[in-house]
């Protein structure tokens, strides 16, 4: 095939691989926060969906409301996970120049 430069293609693939590795590393640096119950439960999560911190307002610690607290905690973790996914997708899109690539998790 005239004009087809395999070496150029290989260099581009290597650059893409390096960009993906750098983007994966940066996912750990991303940080998102979400809350539920009007701020009674707050969750901080990184771009790899690892929970970094959970804050529970003392008003949410009524022993008779155990199920409510559990529900609020699940809702806050899920909201943080959605935000982390959106932030990770944005970061990966920047790293790959908009080329759709699967996330590493």
C-alpha atoms as a PDB file:
ATOM      1  CA  UNK A   1       0.000   0.000   0.000  1.00  0.00           C
ATOM      2  CA  UNK A   2       1.790   3.170  -1.113  1.00  0.00           C
ATOM      3  CA  UNK A   3       2.030   5.911   1.473  1.00  0.00           C
ATOM      4  CA  UNK A   4       1.168   3.602   4.399  1.00  0.00           C
ATOM      5  CA  UNK A   5       3.692   4.224   7.186  1.00  0.00           C
ATOM      6  CA  UNK A   6       3.632   1.364   9.666  1.00  0.00           C
ATOM      7  CA  UNK A   7       6.278   3.023  11.819  1.00  0.00           C
ATOM      8  CA  UNK A   8       4.140   6.169  12.126  1.00  0.00           C
ATOM      9  CA  UNK A   9       1.155   4.039  13.124  1.00  0.00           C
ATOM     10  CA  UNK A  10       3.248   2.263  15.751  1.00  0.00           C
ATOM     11  CA  UNK A  11       4.503   5.586  17.173  1.00  0.00           C
ATOM     12  CA  UNK A  12       0.916   6.857  17.382  1.00  0.00           C
ATOM     13  CA  UNK A  13      -0.175   3.667  19.143  1.00  0.00           C
ATOM     14  CA  UNK A  14       2.676   4.053  21.631  1.00  0.00           C
ATOM     15  CA  UNK A  15       1.693   7.684  22.288  1.00  0.00           C
ATOM     16  CA  UNK A  16      -1.915   6.590  22.865  1.00  0.00           C
ATOM     17  CA  UNK A  17      -0.770   3.874  25.255  1.00  0.00           C
ATOM     18  CA  UNK A  18       1.311   6.402  27.228  1.00  0.00           C
ATOM     19  CA  UNK A  19      -1.599   8.857  27.320  1.00  0.00           C
ATOM     20  CA  UNK A  20      -3.896   6.114  28.640  1.00  0.00           C
ATOM     21  CA  UNK A  21      -1.414   5.196  31.388  1.00  0.00           C
ATOM     22  CA  UNK A  22      -1.090   8.840  32.436  1.00  0.00           C
ATOM     23  CA  UNK A  23      -4.874   9.221  32.425  1.00  0.00           C
ATOM     24  CA  UNK A  24      -5.257   6.124  34.625  1.00  0.00           C
ATOM     25  CA  UNK A  25      -2.779   7.572  37.107  1.00  0.00           C
ATOM     26  CA  UNK A  26      -4.657  10.869  37.179  1.00  0.00           C
ATOM     27  CA  UNK A  27      -7.928   9.094  37.989  1.00  0.00           C
ATOM     28  CA  UNK A  28      -6.635   8.619  41.511  1.00  0.00           C
ATOM     29  CA  UNK A  29      -6.087  12.361  41.760  1.00  0.00           C
ATOM     30  CA  UNK A  30      -9.677  13.218  40.781  1.00  0.00           C
ATOM     31  CA  UNK A  31     -11.923  13.976  43.696  1.00  0.00           C
ATOM     32  CA  UNK A  32     -15.697  14.321  43.778  1.00  0.00           C
ATOM     33  CA  UNK A  33     -18.131  14.877  46.619  1.00  0.00           C
ATOM     34  CA  UNK A  34     -21.807  14.004  46.821  1.00  0.00           C
ATOM     35  CA  UNK A  35     -24.426  14.155  49.512  1.00  0.00           C
ATOM     36  CA  UNK A  36     -27.859  12.837  50.376  1.00  0.00           C
ATOM     37  CA  UNK A  37     -30.547  13.677  52.863  1.00  0.00           C
ATOM     38  CA  UNK A  38     -30.020  17.394  52.453  1.00  0.00           C
ATOM     39  CA  UNK A  39     -26.384  17.080  53.513  1.00  0.00           C
ATOM     40  CA  UNK A  40     -26.868  14.607  56.377  1.00  0.00           C
ATOM     41  CA  UNK A  41     -24.517  12.168  54.627  1.00  0.00           C
ATOM     42  CA  UNK A  42     -21.567  13.241  52.467  1.00  0.00           C
ATOM     43  CA  UNK A  43     -19.183  11.039  50.496  1.00  0.00           C
ATOM     44  CA  UNK A  44     -15.848  11.941  48.912  1.00  0.00           C
ATOM     45  CA  UNK A  45     -14.575   9.573  46.213  1.00  0.00           C
ATOM     46  CA  UNK A  46     -11.684   9.481  43.754  1.00  0.00           C
ATOM     47  CA  UNK A  47     -11.822   8.805  40.017  1.00  0.00           C
ATOM     48  CA  UNK A  48     -11.211   5.116  40.624  1.00  0.00           C
ATOM     49  CA  UNK A  49     -14.423   4.950  42.675  1.00  0.00           C
ATOM     50  CA  UNK A  50     -12.565   4.503  45.936  1.00  0.00           C
ATOM     51  CA  UNK A  51     -14.324   6.151  48.877  1.00  0.00           C
ATOM     52  CA  UNK A  52     -11.945   8.591  50.565  1.00  0.00           C
ATOM     53  CA  UNK A  53     -14.207   9.967  53.267  1.00  0.00           C
ATOM     54  CA  UNK A  54     -17.739   9.630  54.625  1.00  0.00           C
ATOM     55  CA  UNK A  55     -19.232  12.342  56.829  1.00  0.00           C
ATOM     56  CA  UNK A  56     -22.402  11.766  58.824  1.00  0.00           C
ATOM     57  CA  UNK A  57     -24.157  14.700  60.434  1.00  0.00           C
ATOM     58  CA  UNK A  58     -24.934  13.943  64.117  1.00  0.00           C
ATOM     59  CA  UNK A  59     -28.612  14.650  63.371  1.00  0.00           C
ATOM     60  CA  UNK A  60     -28.637  11.462  61.279  1.00  0.00           C
ATOM     61  CA  UNK A  61     -27.543   9.251  64.199  1.00  0.00           C
ATOM     62  CA  UNK A  62     -30.954   8.591  65.731  1.00  0.00           C
ATOM     63  CA  UNK A  63     -30.884   4.888  66.712  1.00  0.00           C
ATOM     64  CA  UNK A  64     -34.508   4.554  65.621  1.00  0.00           C
ATOM     65  CA  UNK A  65     -33.575   5.675  62.114  1.00  0.00           C
ATOM     66  CA  UNK A  66     -30.938   3.047  61.302  1.00  0.00           C
ATOM     67  CA  UNK A  67     -32.594   2.090  57.997  1.00  0.00           C
ATOM     68  CA  UNK A  68     -32.870   5.737  56.935  1.00  0.00           C
ATOM     69  CA  UNK A  69     -29.160   6.297  57.625  1.00  0.00           C
ATOM     70  CA  UNK A  70     -28.244   3.184  55.639  1.00  0.00           C
ATOM     71  CA  UNK A  71     -30.382   4.393  52.730  1.00  0.00           C
ATOM     72  CA  UNK A  72     -28.834   7.876  52.860  1.00  0.00           C
ATOM     73  CA  UNK A  73     -25.343   6.385  52.908  1.00  0.00           C
ATOM     74  CA  UNK A  74     -26.089   4.177  49.885  1.00  0.00           C
ATOM     75  CA  UNK A  75     -27.583   7.143  48.018  1.00  0.00           C
ATOM     76  CA  UNK A  76     -24.548   9.344  48.741  1.00  0.00           C
ATOM     77  CA  UNK A  77     -22.085   6.622  47.661  1.00  0.00           C
ATOM     78  CA  UNK A  78     -24.057   6.033  44.454  1.00  0.00           C
ATOM     79  CA  UNK A  79     -24.176   9.760  43.704  1.00  0.00           C
ATOM     80  CA  UNK A  80     -20.423  10.049  44.267  1.00  0.00           C
ATOM     81  CA  UNK A  81     -19.862   7.039  42.003  1.00  0.00           C
ATOM     82  CA  UNK A  82     -21.862   8.680  39.216  1.00  0.00           C
ATOM     83  CA  UNK A  83     -19.853  11.889  39.604  1.00  0.00           C
ATOM     84  CA  UNK A  84     -16.582   9.934  39.639  1.00  0.00           C
ATOM     85  CA  UNK A  85     -17.590   8.137  36.424  1.00  0.00           C
ATOM     86  CA  UNK A  86     -18.410  11.417  34.710  1.00  0.00           C
ATOM     87  CA  UNK A  87     -15.120  12.989  35.842  1.00  0.00           C
ATOM     88  CA  UNK A  88     -13.155   9.891  34.790  1.00  0.00           C
ATOM     89  CA  UNK A  89     -14.825   9.858  31.363  1.00  0.00           C
ATOM     90  CA  UNK A  90     -13.999  13.526  30.872  1.00  0.00           C
ATOM     91  CA  UNK A  91     -10.389  12.951  31.900  1.00  0.00           C
ATOM     92  CA  UNK A  92     -10.014   9.946  29.596  1.00  0.00           C
ATOM     93  CA  UNK A  93     -11.604  11.816  26.671  1.00  0.00           C
ATOM     94  CA  UNK A  94      -9.042  14.591  27.102  1.00  0.00           C
ATOM     95  CA  UNK A  95      -6.205  12.071  27.221  1.00  0.00           C
ATOM     96  CA  UNK A  96      -7.351  10.192  24.116  1.00  0.00           C
ATOM     97  CA  UNK A  97      -8.395  13.211  22.084  1.00  0.00           C
ATOM     98  CA  UNK A  98     -12.036  12.148  22.161  1.00  0.00           C
ATOM     99  CA  UNK A  99     -11.381   8.572  21.023  1.00  0.00           C
ATOM    100  CA  UNK A 100     -13.738   6.327  22.991  1.00  0.00           C
ATOM    101  CA  UNK A 101     -11.705   3.907  25.093  1.00  0.00           C
ATOM    102  CA  UNK A 102     -12.932   1.605  27.872  1.00  0.00           C
ATOM    103  CA  UNK A 103     -12.242   2.747  31.407  1.00  0.00           C
ATOM    104  CA  UNK A 104      -9.797   0.629  33.410  1.00  0.00           C
ATOM    105  CA  UNK A 105     -12.383  -0.494  35.978  1.00  0.00           C
END
